[in-house]
Amino acid sequence: LPPGLLGDLPGNLSPRGARDLIRILRYSEREWGIATARRSRDRLLDRIRAEEAGHAVGHRRHELTPKEPTLFLVEHPWVMAYHPTTRQKYRVLHGAMDFPALFSPPDPAGRPPDQ
């Protein structure tokens, strides 16, 4: 990443969430240029800080059964997964990702989650 692109990351971003953010910014820079990567960074960090300050609230996804209590906060096209009490951001993902595969434990009988 170019120097200064990340800036100061919020303290409530987990190491995995930070890696997700870096991956998003690298992709944005490679595909659309540094200006778009900076705008993406600003939008995501603003949304993370808004939730941290209590100005934004995530929602549950009833089709998911995560191991930890989890809320999801959208900053289109991305979704941030975070713990509702600690507000730690677990993941920062593109909204088109397969969320049931990422957040639901496998069925011991091998059935997909919707059956």
Protein backbone atom coordinates (compact mmCIF):
# COMPACT_ATOMS: atom_id res chain seq x y z
CA LEU A 1 0.00 0.00 0.00
CA PRO A 2 1.21 3.54 -0.63
CA PRO A 3 2.54 5.38 2.45
CA GLY A 4 -0.23 7.02 4.44
CA LEU A 5 -3.09 5.12 2.79
CA LEU A 6 -4.06 3.29 5.97
CA GLY A 7 -3.70 6.19 8.38
CA ASP A 8 -4.76 5.46 11.94
CA LEU A 9 -6.85 2.32 12.21
CA PRO A 10 -9.57 2.21 14.87
CA GLY A 11 -8.61 0.33 18.01
CA ASN A 12 -11.71 -1.87 17.78
CA LEU A 13 -10.63 -3.46 14.49
CA SER A 14 -9.44 -7.04 15.02
CA PRO A 15 -6.24 -8.24 13.33
CA ARG A 16 -8.36 -10.20 10.84
CA GLY A 17 -10.57 -7.17 10.23
CA ALA A 18 -7.43 -5.07 9.61
CA ARG A 19 -6.21 -7.65 7.08
CA ASP A 20 -9.62 -7.56 5.39
CA LEU A 21 -9.45 -3.77 5.17
CA ILE A 22 -5.93 -3.86 3.73
CA ARG A 23 -7.01 -6.44 1.14
CA ILE A 24 -9.97 -4.23 0.13
CA LEU A 25 -7.75 -1.17 -0.21
CA ARG A 26 -5.13 -3.03 -2.25
CA TYR A 27 -7.81 -4.32 -4.59
CA SER A 28 -9.37 -0.85 -4.91
CA GLU A 29 -6.01 0.71 -5.68
CA ARG A 30 -5.08 -1.96 -8.23
CA GLU A 31 -8.44 -1.90 -10.03
CA TRP A 32 -9.49 1.75 -9.80
CA GLY A 33 -6.51 3.79 -8.60
CA ILE A 34 -5.29 5.49 -5.44
CA ALA A 35 -8.07 8.10 -5.35
CA THR A 36 -10.74 5.39 -5.21
CA ALA A 37 -8.77 3.46 -2.59
CA ARG A 38 -8.62 6.60 -0.42
CA ARG A 39 -12.37 7.21 -0.80
CA SER A 40 -13.04 3.57 0.07
CA ARG A 41 -10.81 3.86 3.14
CA ASP A 42 -12.53 7.06 4.26
CA ARG A 43 -16.01 5.57 3.87
CA LEU A 44 -15.16 2.38 5.74
CA LEU A 45 -13.31 4.09 8.58
CA ASP A 46 -16.07 6.70 8.94
CA ARG A 47 -18.65 3.92 9.21
CA ILE A 48 -16.55 1.99 11.75
CA ARG A 49 -16.11 5.13 13.86
CA ALA A 50 -19.82 6.00 13.59
CA GLU A 51 -20.74 2.60 15.00
CA GLU A 52 -18.09 2.92 17.69
CA ALA A 53 -19.60 6.28 18.74
CA GLY A 54 -23.13 4.87 18.75
CA HIS A 55 -24.28 6.76 15.64
CA ALA A 56 -24.75 3.62 13.55
CA VAL A 57 -26.20 0.26 14.56
CA GLY A 58 -25.81 -3.05 12.82
CA HIS A 59 -28.40 -5.76 12.36
CA ARG A 60 -28.64 -9.50 12.92
CA ARG A 61 -28.74 -11.92 10.01
CA HIS A 62 -31.17 -14.64 11.00
CA GLU A 63 -29.93 -17.05 8.33
CA LEU A 64 -26.53 -17.14 10.05
CA THR A 65 -25.48 -18.91 13.24
CA PRO A 66 -22.11 -17.39 14.13
CA LYS A 67 -20.08 -18.77 17.05
CA GLU A 68 -20.00 -15.33 18.73
CA PRO A 69 -22.82 -12.79 19.04
CA THR A 70 -22.54 -10.80 15.81
CA LEU A 71 -24.16 -7.79 14.20
CA PHE A 72 -23.62 -6.69 10.61
CA LEU A 73 -23.15 -3.09 9.53
CA VAL A 74 -23.42 -2.17 5.86
CA GLU A 75 -21.37 0.42 4.00
CA HIS A 76 -22.29 -0.61 0.48
CA PRO A 77 -20.83 -2.72 -1.07
CA TRP A 78 -19.05 -3.84 2.13
CA VAL A 79 -20.33 -5.40 5.33
CA MET A 80 -18.62 -5.23 8.71
CA ALA A 81 -19.24 -8.02 11.22
CA TYR A 82 -18.83 -7.00 14.86
CA HIS A 83 -19.56 -8.07 18.43
CA PRO A 84 -22.57 -6.11 19.76
CA THR A 85 -21.15 -5.68 23.27
CA THR A 86 -17.43 -5.12 22.74
CA ARG A 87 -17.99 -3.54 19.29
CA GLN A 88 -14.83 -5.25 18.05
CA LYS A 89 -14.94 -5.57 14.26
CA TYR A 90 -14.24 -9.20 13.34
CA ARG A 91 -14.40 -8.90 9.56
CA VAL A 92 -14.73 -6.32 6.79
CA LEU A 93 -16.08 -8.11 3.72
CA HIS A 94 -17.65 -7.49 0.35
CA GLY A 95 -21.41 -7.95 0.59
CA ALA A 96 -21.40 -10.54 -2.20
CA MET A 97 -19.36 -12.99 -0.11
CA ASP A 98 -20.95 -16.28 0.99
CA PHE A 99 -21.89 -15.22 4.52
CA PRO A 100 -23.48 -18.57 5.54
CA ALA A 101 -20.24 -20.35 4.65
CA LEU A 102 -18.19 -17.78 6.58
CA PHE A 103 -20.34 -17.39 9.70
CA SER A 104 -22.31 -20.60 10.20
CA PRO A 105 -20.73 -23.76 11.60
CA PRO A 106 -20.92 -26.80 9.31
CA ASP A 107 -23.78 -29.19 9.91
CA PRO A 108 -22.40 -32.42 11.44
CA ALA A 109 -24.66 -34.40 9.10
CA GLY A 110 -23.12 -32.62 6.12
CA ARG A 111 -26.35 -30.90 5.07
CA PRO A 112 -26.26 -27.31 3.77
CA PRO A 113 -27.50 -24.73 6.36
CA ASP A 114 -30.84 -24.16 4.55
CA GLN A 115 -32.04 -27.80 4.62
